[in-house]
């Protein structure tokens, strides 16, 4: 339960909560009138992503880094799953200014938008670890934007047969060839990766849905895989003690190197799995 302690993770998405298993320190929204609240309205996506990172209900479900501090940047308005590049860029810039150590981007745009690329490059130069969904366009589709920006950590979706009931939508994501373990597969919707990117669970993922009664639900997508890695980055910062050092580009590079050190191939080709799946592991590096 101490994983992620002292680390701030920015979730740039549809808003987060309310949910009793989520503690959100604050955030911002980017409505037309700039006065919106950062909590979710009707869209569950951002709350589901946030729970994967830092749900903290020990009696039911916990995220990868349950002690991480969450900040929500709601770039979608109401029930509209449409946003623009300027809202995304503004959210990234605000996350940097608000002290986020990690930013999760479970989103992708159809084309490269320079305003978003510039915001990401500034964030990375400031020492922020930027994690993004690889895209849900299929096995032959190139890595989506903004996951394709240099030094962004892109994450594809791993599935494992037997971890969800037969007859559910998750079954349709199975696609050969299997990995070294015949139960593992790269989801049929998951875009291609670069050699240094990662796979993470993205099929049949249980997490939080917005509501004061604390509902839970299942989603599939590289959007669900990315926050696993965002949470693991928070864990590395805590376990190594690097969270107590200055947020710099060098520190972010150390975290990425440690994540890659902990990764193992699952027997897929590099364009399917990148460097592989990250194990939670234990810290071997020492804080500077």
C-alpha atoms as a PDB file:
ATOM      1  CA  UNK A   1       0.000   0.000   0.000  1.00  0.00           C
ATOM      2  CA  UNK A   2       2.991   2.356   0.313  1.00  0.00           C
ATOM      3  CA  UNK A   3       3.847   2.094  -3.393  1.00  0.00           C
ATOM      4  CA  UNK A   4       3.975   5.498  -5.057  1.00  0.00           C
ATOM      5  CA  UNK A   5       4.235   7.444  -1.804  1.00  0.00           C
ATOM      6  CA  UNK A   6       5.336  11.015  -2.516  1.00  0.00           C
ATOM      7  CA  UNK A   7       4.824  10.751  -6.286  1.00  0.00           C
ATOM      8  CA  UNK A   8       2.318  12.934  -8.136  1.00  0.00           C
ATOM      9  CA  UNK A   9       0.644  11.472 -11.233  1.00  0.00           C
ATOM     10  CA  UNK A  10      -1.366  13.636 -13.621  1.00  0.00           C
ATOM     11  CA  UNK A  11      -4.260  11.937 -15.425  1.00  0.00           C
ATOM     12  CA  UNK A  12      -5.146  13.867 -18.599  1.00  0.00           C
ATOM     13  CA  UNK A  13      -8.470  12.386 -19.546  1.00  0.00           C
ATOM     14  CA  UNK A  14     -12.260  12.651 -19.085  1.00  0.00           C
ATOM     15  CA  UNK A  15     -12.049  13.627 -15.418  1.00  0.00           C
ATOM     16  CA  UNK A  16     -11.618  11.497 -12.285  1.00  0.00           C
ATOM     17  CA  UNK A  17     -14.194  10.443  -9.712  1.00  0.00           C
ATOM     18  CA  UNK A  18     -15.881  10.755  -7.434  1.00  0.00           C
ATOM     19  CA  UNK A  19     -15.067   7.297  -6.092  1.00  0.00           C
ATOM     20  CA  UNK A  20     -14.326   6.219  -2.510  1.00  0.00           C
ATOM     21  CA  UNK A  21     -11.236   4.283  -3.618  1.00  0.00           C
ATOM     22  CA  UNK A  22      -9.683   7.360  -5.249  1.00  0.00           C
ATOM     23  CA  UNK A  23      -8.046  10.330  -3.566  1.00  0.00           C
ATOM     24  CA  UNK A  24      -7.618  13.237  -5.961  1.00  0.00           C
ATOM     25  CA  UNK A  25      -5.518  16.188  -4.800  1.00  0.00           C
ATOM     26  CA  UNK A  26      -7.044  18.541  -7.343  1.00  0.00           C
ATOM     27  CA  UNK A  27      -6.749  19.393 -10.980  1.00  0.00           C
ATOM     28  CA  UNK A  28      -8.152  21.539 -13.729  1.00  0.00           C
ATOM     29  CA  UNK A  29     -10.709  21.452 -16.509  1.00  0.00           C
ATOM     30  CA  UNK A  30     -10.702  22.972 -19.958  1.00  0.00           C
ATOM     31  CA  UNK A  31     -14.311  23.837 -20.755  1.00  0.00           C
ATOM     32  CA  UNK A  32     -15.098  26.605 -23.187  1.00  0.00           C
ATOM     33  CA  UNK A  33     -15.610  28.983 -20.274  1.00  0.00           C
ATOM     34  CA  UNK A  34     -12.542  27.641 -18.370  1.00  0.00           C
ATOM     35  CA  UNK A  35     -14.583  27.271 -15.177  1.00  0.00           C
ATOM     36  CA  UNK A  36     -15.338  23.537 -15.293  1.00  0.00           C
ATOM     37  CA  UNK A  37     -14.502  21.093 -12.516  1.00  0.00           C
ATOM     38  CA  UNK A  38     -11.886  18.377 -12.911  1.00  0.00           C
ATOM     39  CA  UNK A  39     -14.139  15.503 -11.749  1.00  0.00           C
ATOM     40  CA  UNK A  40     -15.791  13.236 -14.281  1.00  0.00           C
ATOM     41  CA  UNK A  41     -19.215  14.217 -15.568  1.00  0.00           C
ATOM     42  CA  UNK A  42     -20.705  11.295 -17.468  1.00  0.00           C
ATOM     43  CA  UNK A  43     -17.682   9.673 -19.108  1.00  0.00           C
ATOM     44  CA  UNK A  44     -16.052   6.841 -17.081  1.00  0.00           C
ATOM     45  CA  UNK A  45     -12.769   6.549 -18.980  1.00  0.00           C
ATOM     46  CA  UNK A  46     -10.573   8.827 -16.843  1.00  0.00           C
ATOM     47  CA  UNK A  47     -11.836   7.355 -13.574  1.00  0.00           C
ATOM     48  CA  UNK A  48     -11.067   3.844 -14.841  1.00  0.00           C
ATOM     49  CA  UNK A  49      -7.554   4.942 -15.831  1.00  0.00           C
ATOM     50  CA  UNK A  50      -6.973   6.640 -12.456  1.00  0.00           C
ATOM     51  CA  UNK A  51      -8.021   3.532 -10.531  1.00  0.00           C
ATOM     52  CA  UNK A  52      -5.483   1.405 -12.383  1.00  0.00           C
ATOM     53  CA  UNK A  53      -2.807   3.807 -11.190  1.00  0.00           C
ATOM     54  CA  UNK A  54      -3.853   4.479  -7.618  1.00  0.00           C
ATOM     55  CA  UNK A  55      -7.088   2.916  -6.348  1.00  0.00           C
ATOM     56  CA  UNK A  56      -6.571   2.544  -2.601  1.00  0.00           C
ATOM     57  CA  UNK A  57      -9.418   0.429  -1.212  1.00  0.00           C
ATOM     58  CA  UNK A  58      -7.548  -2.445   0.423  1.00  0.00           C
ATOM     59  CA  UNK A  59     -10.829  -4.285   1.052  1.00  0.00           C
ATOM     60  CA  UNK A  60     -11.752  -4.555  -2.619  1.00  0.00           C
ATOM     61  CA  UNK A  61      -9.111  -3.444  -5.128  1.00  0.00           C
ATOM     62  CA  UNK A  62      -5.893  -1.465  -5.236  1.00  0.00           C
ATOM     63  CA  UNK A  63      -4.019   0.149  -8.096  1.00  0.00           C
ATOM     64  CA  UNK A  64      -0.391  -0.295  -9.055  1.00  0.00           C
ATOM     65  CA  UNK A  65       0.767   2.632  -6.880  1.00  0.00           C
ATOM     66  CA  UNK A  66      -2.011   3.199  -4.312  1.00  0.00           C
ATOM     67  CA  UNK A  67      -0.178   5.900  -2.342  1.00  0.00           C
ATOM     68  CA  UNK A  68       0.530   8.075  -5.373  1.00  0.00           C
ATOM     69  CA  UNK A  69      -1.075  11.504  -5.409  1.00  0.00           C
ATOM     70  CA  UNK A  70      -3.524  11.874  -8.293  1.00  0.00           C
ATOM     71  CA  UNK A  71      -4.295  15.092 -10.141  1.00  0.00           C
ATOM     72  CA  UNK A  72      -7.064  15.199 -12.737  1.00  0.00           C
ATOM     73  CA  UNK A  73      -6.954  17.276 -15.912  1.00  0.00           C
ATOM     74  CA  UNK A  74     -10.339  16.967 -17.613  1.00  0.00           C
ATOM     75  CA  UNK A  75      -9.966  17.780 -21.297  1.00  0.00           C
ATOM     76  CA  UNK A  76     -13.410  16.514 -22.320  1.00  0.00           C
ATOM     77  CA  UNK A  77     -16.686  18.294 -21.630  1.00  0.00           C
ATOM     78  CA  UNK A  78     -19.878  16.582 -20.485  1.00  0.00           C
ATOM     79  CA  UNK A  79     -20.505  13.406 -22.463  1.00  0.00           C
ATOM     80  CA  UNK A  80     -18.490  14.536 -25.478  1.00  0.00           C
ATOM     81  CA  UNK A  81     -15.550  12.229 -26.231  1.00  0.00           C
ATOM     82  CA  UNK A  82     -14.010  14.914 -28.405  1.00  0.00           C
ATOM     83  CA  UNK A  83     -11.266  17.308 -27.431  1.00  0.00           C
ATOM     84  CA  UNK A  84      -8.731  19.493 -29.196  1.00  0.00           C
ATOM     85  CA  UNK A  85      -4.950  19.735 -29.246  1.00  0.00           C
ATOM     86  CA  UNK A  86      -4.893  23.035 -27.378  1.00  0.00           C
ATOM     87  CA  UNK A  87      -6.725  21.535 -24.389  1.00  0.00           C
ATOM     88  CA  UNK A  88      -4.278  18.624 -24.336  1.00  0.00           C
ATOM     89  CA  UNK A  89      -1.269  20.944 -24.581  1.00  0.00           C
ATOM     90  CA  UNK A  90      -2.648  23.208 -21.839  1.00  0.00           C
ATOM     91  CA  UNK A  91      -3.239  20.212 -19.573  1.00  0.00           C
ATOM     92  CA  UNK A  92       0.317  18.962 -20.076  1.00  0.00           C
ATOM     93  CA  UNK A  93       1.729  22.406 -19.315  1.00  0.00           C
ATOM     94  CA  UNK A  94      -0.428  22.704 -16.193  1.00  0.00           C
ATOM     95  CA  UNK A  95       0.615  19.247 -14.999  1.00  0.00           C
ATOM     96  CA  UNK A  96       4.256  20.338 -15.219  1.00  0.00           C
ATOM     97  CA  UNK A  97       3.531  23.556 -13.319  1.00  0.00           C
ATOM     98  CA  UNK A  98       1.539  21.625 -10.687  1.00  0.00           C
ATOM     99  CA  UNK A  99       4.516  19.402  -9.890  1.00  0.00           C
ATOM    100  CA  UNK A 100       3.456  16.126 -11.512  1.00  0.00           C
ATOM    101  CA  UNK A 101       6.256  13.568 -11.699  1.00  0.00           C
ATOM    102  CA  UNK A 102       4.375  11.340 -14.161  1.00  0.00           C
ATOM    103  CA  UNK A 103       1.709  12.202 -16.744  1.00  0.00           C
ATOM    104  CA  UNK A 104      -0.603   9.590 -18.236  1.00  0.00           C
ATOM    105  CA  UNK A 105      -2.054  10.147 -21.721  1.00  0.00           C
ATOM    106  CA  UNK A 106      -4.588   7.402 -22.435  1.00  0.00           C
ATOM    107  CA  UNK A 107      -5.603   9.134 -25.642  1.00  0.00           C
ATOM    108  CA  UNK A 108      -4.509   9.517 -29.214  1.00  0.00           C
ATOM    109  CA  UNK A 109      -5.061  11.893 -32.103  1.00  0.00           C
ATOM    110  CA  UNK A 110      -5.421  11.107 -35.780  1.00  0.00           C
ATOM    111  CA  UNK A 111      -2.503  13.322 -36.795  1.00  0.00           C
ATOM    112  CA  UNK A 112       0.612  14.810 -35.258  1.00  0.00           C
ATOM    113  CA  UNK A 113      -0.279  18.158 -33.696  1.00  0.00           C
ATOM    114  CA  UNK A 114       2.798  20.396 -33.205  1.00  0.00           C
ATOM    115  CA  UNK A 115       1.282  22.231 -30.212  1.00  0.00           C
ATOM    116  CA  UNK A 116       0.975  18.908 -28.351  1.00  0.00           C
ATOM    117  CA  UNK A 117       4.457  17.790 -29.383  1.00  0.00           C
ATOM    118  CA  UNK A 118       5.949  21.023 -28.062  1.00  0.00           C
ATOM    119  CA  UNK A 119       4.129  20.648 -24.735  1.00  0.00           C
ATOM    120  CA  UNK A 120       5.360  17.074 -24.361  1.00  0.00           C
ATOM    121  CA  UNK A 121       8.944  18.011 -25.183  1.00  0.00           C
ATOM    122  CA  UNK A 122       8.845  20.790 -22.569  1.00  0.00           C
ATOM    123  CA  UNK A 123       7.458  18.353 -20.012  1.00  0.00           C
ATOM    124  CA  UNK A 124      10.149  15.775 -20.709  1.00  0.00           C
ATOM    125  CA  UNK A 125      12.856  18.451 -20.553  1.00  0.00           C
ATOM    126  CA  UNK A 126      11.446  19.420 -17.138  1.00  0.00           C
ATOM    127  CA  UNK A 127      11.859  15.834 -15.912  1.00  0.00           C
ATOM    128  CA  UNK A 128       8.262  14.636 -16.250  1.00  0.00           C
ATOM    129  CA  UNK A 129       7.791  10.990 -17.234  1.00  0.00           C
ATOM    130  CA  UNK A 130       5.188  10.915 -20.024  1.00  0.00           C
ATOM    131  CA  UNK A 131       3.329   7.634 -20.623  1.00  0.00           C
ATOM    132  CA  UNK A 132       0.876   7.205 -23.514  1.00  0.00           C
ATOM    133  CA  UNK A 133      -1.423   4.592 -25.033  1.00  0.00           C
ATOM    134  CA  UNK A 134      -0.048   2.983 -28.196  1.00  0.00           C
ATOM    135  CA  UNK A 135      -3.423   3.192 -29.964  1.00  0.00           C
ATOM    136  CA  UNK A 136      -6.336   0.840 -30.681  1.00  0.00           C
ATOM    137  CA  UNK A 137      -6.194   0.770 -34.482  1.00  0.00           C
ATOM    138  CA  UNK A 138      -4.925  -2.782 -34.924  1.00  0.00           C
ATOM    139  CA  UNK A 139      -1.808  -4.871 -35.206  1.00  0.00           C
ATOM    140  CA  UNK A 140      -0.607  -3.341 -38.481  1.00  0.00           C
ATOM    141  CA  UNK A 141      -1.252   0.280 -37.542  1.00  0.00           C
ATOM    142  CA  UNK A 142       1.762   2.452 -36.706  1.00  0.00           C
ATOM    143  CA  UNK A 143       2.254   3.782 -33.211  1.00  0.00           C
ATOM    144  CA  UNK A 144      -0.345   6.459 -32.559  1.00  0.00           C
ATOM    145  CA  UNK A 145       0.298  10.104 -31.704  1.00  0.00           C
ATOM    146  CA  UNK A 146       1.274  11.331 -29.104  1.00  0.00           C
ATOM    147  CA  UNK A 147       2.766   7.973 -28.029  1.00  0.00           C
ATOM    148  CA  UNK A 148       4.990   8.286 -31.115  1.00  0.00           C
ATOM    149  CA  UNK A 149       6.745  11.420 -29.829  1.00  0.00           C
ATOM    150  CA  UNK A 150      10.406  10.779 -28.996  1.00  0.00           C
ATOM    151  CA  UNK A 151      11.012   9.811 -25.353  1.00  0.00           C
ATOM    152  CA  UNK A 152       7.332   9.247 -24.604  1.00  0.00           C
ATOM    153  CA  UNK A 153       6.820   5.792 -23.074  1.00  0.00           C
ATOM    154  CA  UNK A 154       4.346   3.994 -25.341  1.00  0.00           C
ATOM    155  CA  UNK A 155       2.388   1.016 -24.044  1.00  0.00           C
ATOM    156  CA  UNK A 156       0.614  -1.750 -25.958  1.00  0.00           C
ATOM    157  CA  UNK A 157      -2.095  -4.055 -24.600  1.00  0.00           C
ATOM    158  CA  UNK A 158      -1.402  -7.583 -23.366  1.00  0.00           C
ATOM    159  CA  UNK A 159      -4.149 -10.137 -22.833  1.00  0.00           C
ATOM    160  CA  UNK A 160      -4.157 -13.490 -21.091  1.00  0.00           C
ATOM    161  CA  UNK A 161      -6.693 -16.185 -21.800  1.00  0.00           C
ATOM    162  CA  UNK A 162      -8.550 -17.403 -18.752  1.00  0.00           C
ATOM    163  CA  UNK A 163      -8.519 -14.073 -16.926  1.00  0.00           C
ATOM    164  CA  UNK A 164     -12.018 -13.054 -18.047  1.00  0.00           C
ATOM    165  CA  UNK A 165     -15.263 -14.984 -18.604  1.00  0.00           C
ATOM    166  CA  UNK A 166     -16.055 -16.598 -21.920  1.00  0.00           C
ATOM    167  CA  UNK A 167     -18.746 -14.745 -23.828  1.00  0.00           C
ATOM    168  CA  UNK A 168     -17.480 -11.287 -22.878  1.00  0.00           C
ATOM    169  CA  UNK A 169     -16.216  -8.666 -25.320  1.00  0.00           C
ATOM    170  CA  UNK A 170     -12.633  -9.366 -24.220  1.00  0.00           C
ATOM    171  CA  UNK A 171     -12.702 -12.727 -26.026  1.00  0.00           C
ATOM    172  CA  UNK A 172     -12.841 -10.916 -29.375  1.00  0.00           C
ATOM    173  CA  UNK A 173      -9.425  -9.330 -28.714  1.00  0.00           C
ATOM    174  CA  UNK A 174      -7.562 -12.672 -28.916  1.00  0.00           C
ATOM    175  CA  UNK A 175      -5.297 -12.837 -31.947  1.00  0.00           C
ATOM    176  CA  UNK A 176      -2.403 -15.195 -32.818  1.00  0.00           C
ATOM    177  CA  UNK A 177       0.430 -15.795 -32.594  1.00  0.00           C
ATOM    178  CA  UNK A 178       0.691 -16.517 -28.865  1.00  0.00           C
ATOM    179  CA  UNK A 179       3.780 -15.680 -26.853  1.00  0.00           C
ATOM    180  CA  UNK A 180       6.151 -18.123 -25.186  1.00  0.00           C
ATOM    181  CA  UNK A 181       3.241 -18.893 -22.845  1.00  0.00           C
ATOM    182  CA  UNK A 182       0.346 -19.989 -25.051  1.00  0.00           C
ATOM    183  CA  UNK A 183      -2.172 -18.183 -22.803  1.00  0.00           C
ATOM    184  CA  UNK A 184      -0.643 -14.757 -23.527  1.00  0.00           C
ATOM    185  CA  UNK A 185      -1.537 -12.670 -26.567  1.00  0.00           C
ATOM    186  CA  UNK A 186      -1.095  -9.140 -27.841  1.00  0.00           C
ATOM    187  CA  UNK A 187      -4.602  -7.691 -28.174  1.00  0.00           C
ATOM    188  CA  UNK A 188      -5.871  -7.580 -31.741  1.00  0.00           C
ATOM    189  CA  UNK A 189      -6.494  -3.820 -31.440  1.00  0.00           C
ATOM    190  CA  UNK A 190      -3.026  -2.900 -30.132  1.00  0.00           C
ATOM    191  CA  UNK A 191      -0.857  -0.783 -32.466  1.00  0.00           C
ATOM    192  CA  UNK A 192       2.763  -1.517 -33.304  1.00  0.00           C
ATOM    193  CA  UNK A 193       5.489  -0.514 -30.832  1.00  0.00           C
ATOM    194  CA  UNK A 194       9.078   0.673 -30.935  1.00  0.00           C
ATOM    195  CA  UNK A 195      11.853  -1.510 -29.585  1.00  0.00           C
ATOM    196  CA  UNK A 196      12.085   0.318 -26.247  1.00  0.00           C
ATOM    197  CA  UNK A 197       8.349   0.489 -25.527  1.00  0.00           C
ATOM    198  CA  UNK A 198       6.331  -1.831 -23.267  1.00  0.00           C
ATOM    199  CA  UNK A 199       3.393  -4.200 -23.052  1.00  0.00           C
ATOM    200  CA  UNK A 200       1.046  -4.125 -20.055  1.00  0.00           C
ATOM    201  CA  UNK A 201      -2.313  -5.702 -19.202  1.00  0.00           C
ATOM    202  CA  UNK A 202      -5.003  -4.125 -21.373  1.00  0.00           C
ATOM    203  CA  UNK A 203      -7.687  -6.795 -21.755  1.00  0.00           C
ATOM    204  CA  UNK A 204     -10.405  -7.436 -19.175  1.00  0.00           C
ATOM    205  CA  UNK A 205      -9.008  -4.815 -16.791  1.00  0.00           C
ATOM    206  CA  UNK A 206     -11.037  -4.146 -13.629  1.00  0.00           C
ATOM    207  CA  UNK A 207     -10.978  -0.616 -12.234  1.00  0.00           C
ATOM    208  CA  UNK A 208     -13.020   2.238 -10.792  1.00  0.00           C
ATOM    209  CA  UNK A 209     -16.025   3.914 -12.420  1.00  0.00           C
ATOM    210  CA  UNK A 210     -17.333   7.309 -11.311  1.00  0.00           C
ATOM    211  CA  UNK A 211     -19.976   7.263  -8.595  1.00  0.00           C
ATOM    212  CA  UNK A 212     -20.252   7.993  -4.898  1.00  0.00           C
ATOM    213  CA  UNK A 213     -21.268   4.370  -4.244  1.00  0.00           C
ATOM    214  CA  UNK A 214     -17.963   3.128  -5.610  1.00  0.00           C
ATOM    215  CA  UNK A 215     -18.811   1.107  -8.734  1.00  0.00           C
ATOM    216  CA  UNK A 216     -16.229  -0.995 -10.557  1.00  0.00           C
ATOM    217  CA  UNK A 217     -16.138  -2.106 -14.158  1.00  0.00           C
ATOM    218  CA  UNK A 218     -14.130  -3.755 -16.922  1.00  0.00           C
ATOM    219  CA  UNK A 219     -12.565  -2.140 -19.985  1.00  0.00           C
ATOM    220  CA  UNK A 220     -10.199  -3.210 -22.779  1.00  0.00           C
ATOM    221  CA  UNK A 221      -7.693  -0.944 -24.509  1.00  0.00           C
ATOM    222  CA  UNK A 222      -4.192   0.417 -24.667  1.00  0.00           C
ATOM    223  CA  UNK A 223      -5.776   3.166 -22.547  1.00  0.00           C
ATOM    224  CA  UNK A 224      -5.863   0.590 -19.739  1.00  0.00           C
ATOM    225  CA  UNK A 225      -2.307  -0.609 -20.388  1.00  0.00           C
ATOM    226  CA  UNK A 226      -0.683   2.840 -20.208  1.00  0.00           C
ATOM    227  CA  UNK A 227      -1.675   3.590 -16.579  1.00  0.00           C
ATOM    228  CA  UNK A 228      -0.146   0.280 -15.464  1.00  0.00           C
ATOM    229  CA  UNK A 229       3.218   1.620 -16.623  1.00  0.00           C
ATOM    230  CA  UNK A 230       2.500   5.072 -15.183  1.00  0.00           C
ATOM    231  CA  UNK A 231       1.893   3.368 -11.844  1.00  0.00           C
ATOM    232  CA  UNK A 232       5.075   1.319 -12.167  1.00  0.00           C
ATOM    233  CA  UNK A 233       7.051   4.503 -12.868  1.00  0.00           C
ATOM    234  CA  UNK A 234       5.631   5.896  -9.607  1.00  0.00           C
ATOM    235  CA  UNK A 235       6.700   2.716  -7.820  1.00  0.00           C
ATOM    236  CA  UNK A 236      10.248   3.030  -9.141  1.00  0.00           C
ATOM    237  CA  UNK A 237      10.464   6.630  -7.945  1.00  0.00           C
ATOM    238  CA  UNK A 238       9.418   5.523  -4.460  1.00  0.00           C
ATOM    239  CA  UNK A 239      11.434   2.309  -4.244  1.00  0.00           C
ATOM    240  CA  UNK A 240      14.685   3.886  -5.389  1.00  0.00           C
ATOM    241  CA  UNK A 241      14.244   7.045  -3.331  1.00  0.00           C
ATOM    242  CA  UNK A 242      14.561   9.119  -6.493  1.00  0.00           C
ATOM    243  CA  UNK A 243      11.276  10.798  -5.611  1.00  0.00           C
ATOM    244  CA  UNK A 244      13.246  12.825  -3.065  1.00  0.00           C
ATOM    245  CA  UNK A 245      15.697  14.133  -5.666  1.00  0.00           C
ATOM    246  CA  UNK A 246      15.101  17.079  -7.969  1.00  0.00           C
ATOM    247  CA  UNK A 247      12.708  16.492 -10.855  1.00  0.00           C
ATOM    248  CA  UNK A 248      15.073  16.645 -13.831  1.00  0.00           C
ATOM    249  CA  UNK A 249      15.399  15.063 -17.257  1.00  0.00           C
ATOM    250  CA  UNK A 250      18.240  12.958 -15.856  1.00  0.00           C
ATOM    251  CA  UNK A 251      15.998  11.540 -13.124  1.00  0.00           C
ATOM    252  CA  UNK A 252      13.322  10.656 -15.688  1.00  0.00           C
ATOM    253  CA  UNK A 253      15.942   8.871 -17.797  1.00  0.00           C
ATOM    254  CA  UNK A 254      17.005   6.864 -14.730  1.00  0.00           C
ATOM    255  CA  UNK A 255      13.412   5.785 -14.141  1.00  0.00           C
ATOM    256  CA  UNK A 256      13.000   4.701 -17.769  1.00  0.00           C
ATOM    257  CA  UNK A 257      16.261   2.734 -17.604  1.00  0.00           C
ATOM    258  CA  UNK A 258      15.046   0.984 -14.444  1.00  0.00           C
ATOM    259  CA  UNK A 259      11.704   0.138 -16.026  1.00  0.00           C
ATOM    260  CA  UNK A 260      13.515  -1.368 -19.000  1.00  0.00           C
ATOM    261  CA  UNK A 261      15.827  -3.294 -16.662  1.00  0.00           C
ATOM    262  CA  UNK A 262      12.776  -4.865 -15.034  1.00  0.00           C
ATOM    263  CA  UNK A 263      11.113  -5.770 -18.347  1.00  0.00           C
ATOM    264  CA  UNK A 264      11.156  -9.245 -19.836  1.00  0.00           C
ATOM    265  CA  UNK A 265      10.229 -10.502 -23.286  1.00  0.00           C
ATOM    266  CA  UNK A 266       7.093 -12.637 -23.517  1.00  0.00           C
ATOM    267  CA  UNK A 267       8.151 -14.161 -26.811  1.00  0.00           C
ATOM    268  CA  UNK A 268       6.451 -11.762 -29.214  1.00  0.00           C
ATOM    269  CA  UNK A 269       8.201  -9.816 -31.968  1.00  0.00           C
ATOM    270  CA  UNK A 270       9.623  -6.399 -30.947  1.00  0.00           C
ATOM    271  CA  UNK A 271       7.007  -4.518 -32.971  1.00  0.00           C
ATOM    272  CA  UNK A 272       4.339  -6.320 -30.902  1.00  0.00           C
ATOM    273  CA  UNK A 273       5.843  -6.195 -27.407  1.00  0.00           C
ATOM    274  CA  UNK A 274       8.599  -3.568 -27.513  1.00  0.00           C
ATOM    275  CA  UNK A 275      11.013  -4.574 -24.757  1.00  0.00           C
ATOM    276  CA  UNK A 276       8.328  -6.623 -23.002  1.00  0.00           C
ATOM    277  CA  UNK A 277       6.369  -6.698 -19.760  1.00  0.00           C
ATOM    278  CA  UNK A 278       7.629  -4.860 -16.669  1.00  0.00           C
ATOM    279  CA  UNK A 279       7.798  -6.831 -13.447  1.00  0.00           C
ATOM    280  CA  UNK A 280       7.069  -4.943 -10.215  1.00  0.00           C
ATOM    281  CA  UNK A 281      10.459  -6.193  -9.040  1.00  0.00           C
ATOM    282  CA  UNK A 282      12.463  -4.713  -6.234  1.00  0.00           C
ATOM    283  CA  UNK A 283      14.754  -1.714  -6.350  1.00  0.00           C
ATOM    284  CA  UNK A 284      18.430  -2.395  -6.924  1.00  0.00           C
ATOM    285  CA  UNK A 285      19.498   1.121  -7.793  1.00  0.00           C
ATOM    286  CA  UNK A 286      20.441   3.646  -5.151  1.00  0.00           C
ATOM    287  CA  UNK A 287      19.213   7.216  -4.967  1.00  0.00           C
ATOM    288  CA  UNK A 288      21.642   9.869  -6.091  1.00  0.00           C
END
